[in-house]
Amino acid sequence: MTVWEDILLEPVLSEKTNLLREEGKYVFKVLRSATKIQIKEAVRRIFNVHPVSCTVMVVGGKPKRQRNRPGLTASWKKAIVRLPKDEKISIFEGV
């Protein structure tokens, strides 16, 4: 059984995602093993909205150096969830 709160790790807040929110698209950092169907269901249950579509991508790690040793930051999975025009997620209103 899936715990819906565990699928959505955190919202992604940046200038680009702020512009996407105006179009009705919300961006979340999600569990690496989550599917599109699970992500849409989690958004529906947690925020009480009806997602129209979900786009999922894996963001690769960026190169970093620490004490002259090259390495990478961790890669992560990102989901862009689109809602109908008449629905919004209220927690983003004050952000």
N, C-alpha and C. Protein backbone atom coordinates (compact mmCIF):
# COMPACT_ATOMS: atom_id res chain seq x y z
N MET A 1 0.84 -1.19 0.00
CA MET A 1 0.00 0.00 0.00
C MET A 1 0.89 1.25 0.00
N THR A 2 0.54 2.22 -0.80
CA THR A 2 1.34 3.43 -0.95
C THR A 2 0.87 4.49 0.04
N VAL A 3 1.82 5.12 0.69
CA VAL A 3 1.50 6.28 1.52
C VAL A 3 1.69 7.49 0.61
N TRP A 4 0.60 8.20 0.33
CA TRP A 4 0.62 9.26 -0.68
C TRP A 4 1.53 10.41 -0.30
N GLU A 5 1.67 10.71 0.98
CA GLU A 5 2.54 11.81 1.40
C GLU A 5 4.02 11.50 1.14
N ASP A 6 4.37 10.22 1.03
CA ASP A 6 5.77 9.85 0.79
C ASP A 6 6.17 10.00 -0.67
N ILE A 7 5.22 10.06 -1.58
CA ILE A 7 5.54 10.17 -3.01
C ILE A 7 6.01 11.57 -3.35
N LEU A 8 5.30 12.59 -2.87
CA LEU A 8 5.70 13.99 -3.13
C LEU A 8 6.68 14.42 -2.06
N LEU A 9 7.94 14.59 -2.42
CA LEU A 9 8.97 14.93 -1.43
C LEU A 9 8.94 16.41 -1.07
N GLU A 10 8.90 17.28 -2.08
CA GLU A 10 8.86 18.72 -1.82
C GLU A 10 8.52 19.45 -3.11
N PRO A 11 7.94 20.65 -3.00
CA PRO A 11 7.71 21.44 -4.21
C PRO A 11 9.02 22.06 -4.69
N VAL A 12 9.12 22.28 -5.98
CA VAL A 12 10.29 22.94 -6.55
C VAL A 12 9.93 24.41 -6.73
N LEU A 13 10.63 25.29 -6.04
CA LEU A 13 10.33 26.72 -6.08
C LEU A 13 11.48 27.46 -6.75
N SER A 14 11.20 28.01 -7.92
CA SER A 14 12.18 28.80 -8.64
C SER A 14 11.41 29.80 -9.51
N GLU A 15 12.13 30.67 -10.19
CA GLU A 15 11.47 31.64 -11.05
C GLU A 15 10.73 30.95 -12.19
N LYS A 16 11.33 29.91 -12.73
CA LYS A 16 10.70 29.20 -13.83
C LYS A 16 9.43 28.48 -13.38
N THR A 17 9.46 27.86 -12.21
CA THR A 17 8.26 27.17 -11.73
C THR A 17 7.18 28.16 -11.31
N ASN A 18 7.56 29.36 -10.89
CA ASN A 18 6.56 30.39 -10.61
C ASN A 18 5.80 30.77 -11.88
N LEU A 19 6.49 30.85 -13.00
CA LEU A 19 5.83 31.14 -14.28
C LEU A 19 4.94 29.98 -14.71
N LEU A 20 5.38 28.75 -14.45
CA LEU A 20 4.58 27.59 -14.80
C LEU A 20 3.30 27.53 -13.96
N ARG A 21 3.38 27.96 -12.70
CA ARG A 21 2.20 27.94 -11.84
C ARG A 21 1.11 28.85 -12.38
N GLU A 22 1.47 29.94 -13.03
CA GLU A 22 0.48 30.83 -13.63
C GLU A 22 -0.27 30.14 -14.77
N GLU A 23 0.34 29.12 -15.37
CA GLU A 23 -0.29 28.34 -16.44
C GLU A 23 -1.06 27.14 -15.88
N GLY A 24 -1.06 26.96 -14.57
CA GLY A 24 -1.75 25.83 -13.96
C GLY A 24 -0.90 24.59 -13.84
N LYS A 25 0.44 24.75 -13.91
CA LYS A 25 1.35 23.61 -13.79
C LYS A 25 2.14 23.75 -12.50
N TYR A 26 2.21 22.66 -11.74
CA TYR A 26 2.90 22.65 -10.45
C TYR A 26 4.03 21.62 -10.51
N VAL A 27 5.20 21.99 -9.98
CA VAL A 27 6.39 21.16 -10.08
C VAL A 27 6.75 20.61 -8.70
N PHE A 28 7.00 19.30 -8.63
CA PHE A 28 7.34 18.64 -7.38
C PHE A 28 8.57 17.76 -7.56
N LYS A 29 9.36 17.66 -6.51
CA LYS A 29 10.40 16.65 -6.42
C LYS A 29 9.72 15.41 -5.88
N VAL A 30 9.85 14.28 -6.59
CA VAL A 30 9.10 13.09 -6.23
C VAL A 30 10.03 11.91 -5.95
N LEU A 31 9.44 10.88 -5.38
CA LEU A 31 10.15 9.64 -5.09
C LEU A 31 10.66 9.05 -6.39
N ARG A 32 11.87 8.54 -6.39
CA ARG A 32 12.51 8.05 -7.61
C ARG A 32 11.73 6.90 -8.24
N SER A 33 11.07 6.08 -7.43
CA SER A 33 10.36 4.91 -7.96
C SER A 33 8.90 5.19 -8.29
N ALA A 34 8.43 6.44 -8.13
CA ALA A 34 7.02 6.77 -8.36
C ALA A 34 6.70 6.81 -9.85
N THR A 35 5.50 6.36 -10.19
CA THR A 35 5.03 6.40 -11.58
C THR A 35 4.12 7.62 -11.77
N LYS A 36 3.79 7.91 -13.04
CA LYS A 36 2.91 9.03 -13.33
C LYS A 36 1.54 8.87 -12.66
N ILE A 37 1.02 7.66 -12.71
CA ILE A 37 -0.30 7.40 -12.13
C ILE A 37 -0.27 7.60 -10.62
N GLN A 38 0.79 7.13 -9.96
CA GLN A 38 0.92 7.32 -8.51
C GLN A 38 1.06 8.79 -8.15
N ILE A 39 1.79 9.55 -8.95
CA ILE A 39 1.99 10.97 -8.67
C ILE A 39 0.67 11.73 -8.83
N LYS A 40 -0.07 11.46 -9.89
CA LYS A 40 -1.38 12.11 -10.08
C LYS A 40 -2.33 11.77 -8.94
N GLU A 41 -2.34 10.53 -8.51
CA GLU A 41 -3.22 10.12 -7.42
C GLU A 41 -2.81 10.78 -6.10
N ALA A 42 -1.51 10.91 -5.87
CA ALA A 42 -1.03 11.56 -4.64
C ALA A 42 -1.44 13.04 -4.63
N VAL A 43 -1.30 13.73 -5.75
CA VAL A 43 -1.69 15.14 -5.83
C VAL A 43 -3.21 15.26 -5.62
N ARG A 44 -3.97 14.35 -6.21
CA ARG A 44 -5.43 14.38 -6.06
C ARG A 44 -5.84 14.20 -4.60
N ARG A 45 -5.23 13.24 -3.91
CA ARG A 45 -5.61 12.96 -2.54
C ARG A 45 -5.11 14.01 -1.54
N ILE A 46 -3.90 14.49 -1.72
CA ILE A 46 -3.32 15.43 -0.75
C ILE A 46 -3.94 16.82 -0.88
N PHE A 47 -4.08 17.32 -2.13
CA PHE A 47 -4.52 18.70 -2.34
C PHE A 47 -5.99 18.81 -2.75
N ASN A 48 -6.68 17.69 -2.92
CA ASN A 48 -8.09 17.67 -3.26
C ASN A 48 -8.36 18.42 -4.57
N VAL A 49 -7.57 18.11 -5.59
CA VAL A 49 -7.72 18.67 -6.93
C VAL A 49 -7.79 17.51 -7.93
N HIS A 50 -8.03 17.81 -9.19
CA HIS A 50 -8.16 16.78 -10.22
C HIS A 50 -7.11 17.01 -11.31
N PRO A 51 -5.92 16.39 -11.21
CA PRO A 51 -4.87 16.60 -12.21
C PRO A 51 -5.30 16.12 -13.59
N VAL A 52 -4.90 16.88 -14.60
CA VAL A 52 -5.20 16.55 -15.99
C VAL A 52 -4.09 15.68 -16.56
N SER A 53 -2.83 16.08 -16.32
CA SER A 53 -1.71 15.33 -16.87
C SER A 53 -0.50 15.44 -15.94
N CYS A 54 0.46 14.58 -16.20
CA CYS A 54 1.68 14.57 -15.39
C CYS A 54 2.86 14.26 -16.31
N THR A 55 3.87 15.09 -16.27
CA THR A 55 5.10 14.88 -17.01
C THR A 55 6.20 14.59 -16.00
N VAL A 56 6.98 13.55 -16.25
CA VAL A 56 8.00 13.12 -15.30
C VAL A 56 9.35 13.10 -16.00
N MET A 57 10.38 13.57 -15.28
CA MET A 57 11.74 13.53 -15.83
C MET A 57 12.75 13.31 -14.71
N VAL A 58 13.88 12.74 -15.06
CA VAL A 58 14.96 12.55 -14.10
C VAL A 58 15.99 13.64 -14.35
N VAL A 59 16.28 14.42 -13.32
CA VAL A 59 17.26 15.50 -13.41
C VAL A 59 18.61 14.92 -12.99
N GLY A 60 19.55 14.97 -13.89
CA GLY A 60 20.87 14.41 -13.61
C GLY A 60 21.67 15.26 -12.65
N GLY A 61 22.62 14.64 -11.96
CA GLY A 61 23.46 15.36 -11.02
C GLY A 61 24.41 16.32 -11.72
N LYS A 62 24.75 17.39 -11.03
CA LYS A 62 25.66 18.39 -11.58
C LYS A 62 27.07 18.12 -11.06
N PRO A 63 28.08 18.45 -11.85
CA PRO A 63 29.45 18.23 -11.39
C PRO A 63 29.82 19.18 -10.25
N LYS A 64 30.46 18.65 -9.24
CA LYS A 64 30.92 19.43 -8.08
C LYS A 64 32.33 19.01 -7.74
N ARG A 65 33.03 19.89 -7.07
CA ARG A 65 34.38 19.57 -6.59
C ARG A 65 34.45 19.89 -5.11
N GLN A 66 35.01 18.98 -4.36
CA GLN A 66 35.20 19.21 -2.94
C GLN A 66 36.60 18.72 -2.59
N ARG A 67 37.41 19.66 -2.13
CA ARG A 67 38.81 19.35 -1.77
C ARG A 67 39.55 18.65 -2.92
N ASN A 68 39.41 19.23 -4.11
CA ASN A 68 40.09 18.75 -5.32
C ASN A 68 39.68 17.35 -5.75
N ARG A 69 38.53 16.85 -5.25
CA ARG A 69 38.04 15.56 -5.72
C ARG A 69 36.77 15.82 -6.53
N PRO A 70 36.78 15.43 -7.80
CA PRO A 70 35.58 15.64 -8.60
C PRO A 70 34.47 14.67 -8.19
N GLY A 71 33.25 15.10 -8.39
CA GLY A 71 32.11 14.25 -8.08
C GLY A 71 30.84 14.84 -8.66
N LEU A 72 29.71 14.27 -8.30
CA LEU A 72 28.43 14.73 -8.79
C LEU A 72 27.46 14.90 -7.63
N THR A 73 26.54 15.86 -7.77
CA THR A 73 25.44 15.93 -6.82
C THR A 73 24.47 14.80 -7.18
N ALA A 74 23.56 14.49 -6.29
CA ALA A 74 22.62 13.40 -6.51
C ALA A 74 21.62 13.75 -7.61
N SER A 75 21.26 12.77 -8.42
CA SER A 75 20.20 12.98 -9.39
C SER A 75 18.86 12.79 -8.69
N TRP A 76 17.79 13.39 -9.28
CA TRP A 76 16.48 13.32 -8.64
C TRP A 76 15.40 13.33 -9.70
N LYS A 77 14.18 12.97 -9.30
CA LYS A 77 13.06 12.88 -10.22
C LYS A 77 12.12 14.05 -10.02
N LYS A 78 11.70 14.66 -11.13
CA LYS A 78 10.84 15.85 -11.10
C LYS A 78 9.55 15.54 -11.84
N ALA A 79 8.43 16.02 -11.27
CA ALA A 79 7.13 15.84 -11.91
C ALA A 79 6.46 17.19 -12.10
N ILE A 80 5.92 17.42 -13.29
CA ILE A 80 5.14 18.62 -13.57
C ILE A 80 3.69 18.17 -13.73
N VAL A 81 2.85 18.63 -12.81
CA VAL A 81 1.44 18.22 -12.79
C VAL A 81 0.59 19.39 -13.28
N ARG A 82 -0.25 19.13 -14.29
CA ARG A 82 -1.11 20.17 -14.85
C ARG A 82 -2.52 19.99 -14.30
N LEU A 83 -3.11 21.11 -13.86
CA LEU A 83 -4.47 21.12 -13.32
C LEU A 83 -5.40 21.84 -14.28
N PRO A 84 -6.72 21.60 -14.18
CA PRO A 84 -7.67 22.37 -14.98
C PRO A 84 -7.59 23.87 -14.65
N LYS A 85 -8.06 24.70 -15.54
CA LYS A 85 -7.95 26.16 -15.36
C LYS A 85 -8.67 26.67 -14.12
N ASP A 86 -9.73 26.01 -13.69
CA ASP A 86 -10.51 26.49 -12.54
C ASP A 86 -10.01 25.97 -11.20
N GLU A 87 -8.93 25.19 -11.17
CA GLU A 87 -8.41 24.65 -9.91
C GLU A 87 -7.01 25.17 -9.64
N LYS A 88 -6.70 25.35 -8.34
CA LYS A 88 -5.37 25.78 -7.90
C LYS A 88 -5.03 25.03 -6.63
N ILE A 89 -3.73 24.94 -6.36
CA ILE A 89 -3.26 24.38 -5.09
C ILE A 89 -3.01 25.57 -4.17
N SER A 90 -3.73 25.63 -3.08
CA SER A 90 -3.76 26.82 -2.25
C SER A 90 -2.46 27.09 -1.49
N ILE A 91 -1.64 26.06 -1.22
CA ILE A 91 -0.42 26.31 -0.44
C ILE A 91 0.58 27.17 -1.21
N PHE A 92 0.45 27.25 -2.53
CA PHE A 92 1.37 28.05 -3.33
C PHE A 92 0.95 29.50 -3.46
N GLU A 93 -0.22 29.86 -2.98
CA GLU A 93 -0.72 31.22 -3.15
C GLU A 93 0.14 32.25 -2.45
N GLY A 94 0.67 31.95 -1.27
CA GLY A 94 1.48 32.92 -0.53
C GLY A 94 2.94 32.91 -0.89
N VAL A 95 3.36 31.99 -1.77
CA VAL A 95 4.77 31.83 -2.09
C VAL A 95 5.14 32.76 -3.21
